[in-house]
Protein backbone atom coordinates (compact mmCIF):
# COMPACT_ATOMS: atom_id res chain seq x y z
CA UNK A 1 -38.64 -40.97 72.64
CA UNK A 2 -34.97 -40.95 71.62
CA UNK A 3 -33.35 -38.68 74.24
CA UNK A 4 -29.89 -38.52 72.66
CA UNK A 5 -31.43 -37.63 69.30
CA UNK A 6 -33.89 -35.28 71.07
CA UNK A 7 -36.66 -36.90 69.05
CA UNK A 8 -40.17 -37.77 70.17
CA UNK A 9 -42.42 -39.96 68.03
CA UNK A 10 -46.15 -39.78 68.63
CA UNK A 11 -48.83 -41.98 67.16
CA UNK A 12 -52.10 -40.08 67.27
CA UNK A 13 -55.62 -41.35 67.13
CA UNK A 14 -58.82 -39.47 66.44
CA UNK A 15 -58.90 -38.01 69.98
CA UNK A 16 -56.20 -35.59 68.85
CA UNK A 17 -58.69 -33.91 66.54
CA UNK A 18 -60.37 -32.60 69.70
CA UNK A 19 -57.24 -31.57 71.60
CA UNK A 20 -55.47 -29.46 69.00
CA UNK A 21 -54.71 -26.59 71.41
CA UNK A 22 -53.23 -28.93 74.04
CA UNK A 23 -51.05 -30.65 71.42
CA UNK A 24 -49.90 -27.28 70.09
CA UNK A 25 -48.88 -26.03 73.55
CA UNK A 26 -47.16 -29.31 74.39
CA UNK A 27 -45.26 -29.27 71.10
CA UNK A 28 -44.14 -25.68 71.66
CA UNK A 29 -42.90 -26.57 75.15
CA UNK A 30 -40.99 -29.63 73.94
CA UNK A 31 -39.54 -27.66 71.01
CA UNK A 32 -38.33 -25.03 73.47
CA UNK A 33 -36.42 -27.81 75.26
CA UNK A 34 -34.75 -28.80 71.99
CA UNK A 35 -36.96 -31.76 71.10
CA UNK A 36 -38.34 -32.46 67.66
CA UNK A 37 -41.72 -34.16 67.52
CA UNK A 38 -42.76 -36.46 64.69
CA UNK A 39 -46.47 -37.20 64.61
CA UNK A 40 -48.14 -39.98 62.71
CA UNK A 41 -51.78 -40.97 62.53
CA UNK A 42 -52.65 -44.49 63.72
CA UNK A 43 -53.89 -45.26 60.22
CA UNK A 44 -50.52 -44.29 58.68
CA UNK A 45 -48.68 -46.62 61.05
CA UNK A 46 -51.07 -49.48 60.34
CA UNK A 47 -51.10 -49.05 56.57
CA UNK A 48 -47.55 -47.81 55.87
CA UNK A 49 -45.21 -48.85 58.66
CA UNK A 50 -42.25 -48.90 56.26
CA UNK A 51 -42.87 -45.28 55.28
CA UNK A 52 -43.25 -44.25 58.92
CA UNK A 53 -40.03 -46.05 59.88
CA UNK A 54 -38.23 -44.41 56.97
CA UNK A 55 -39.21 -40.94 58.23
CA UNK A 56 -38.11 -41.80 61.78
CA UNK A 57 -34.76 -43.24 60.65
CA UNK A 58 -34.12 -40.19 58.48
CA UNK A 59 -34.85 -37.87 61.42
CA UNK A 60 -32.50 -39.79 63.72
CA UNK A 61 -29.81 -39.85 61.04
CA UNK A 62 -30.09 -36.09 60.47
CA UNK A 63 -29.74 -35.46 64.20
CA UNK A 64 -26.66 -37.68 64.47
CA UNK A 65 -25.08 -36.34 61.29
CA UNK A 66 -26.12 -32.67 61.05
CA UNK A 67 -25.55 -30.86 57.78
CA UNK A 68 -22.83 -28.26 57.92
């Protein structure tokens, strides 16, 4: 979690396939508080950490330097 950027990064495993409704409600709640959630599958993190980091850095950069 990056509180100043209001960004939450989640790494999800296969258990999230069975808790879709819970994740949806949690995401809606966090969005209502101004947070943005980035979700990545475990496999994506293990096989493409550079790509995952690139998405996270871009999200933090956008939050710190919003487009006018």
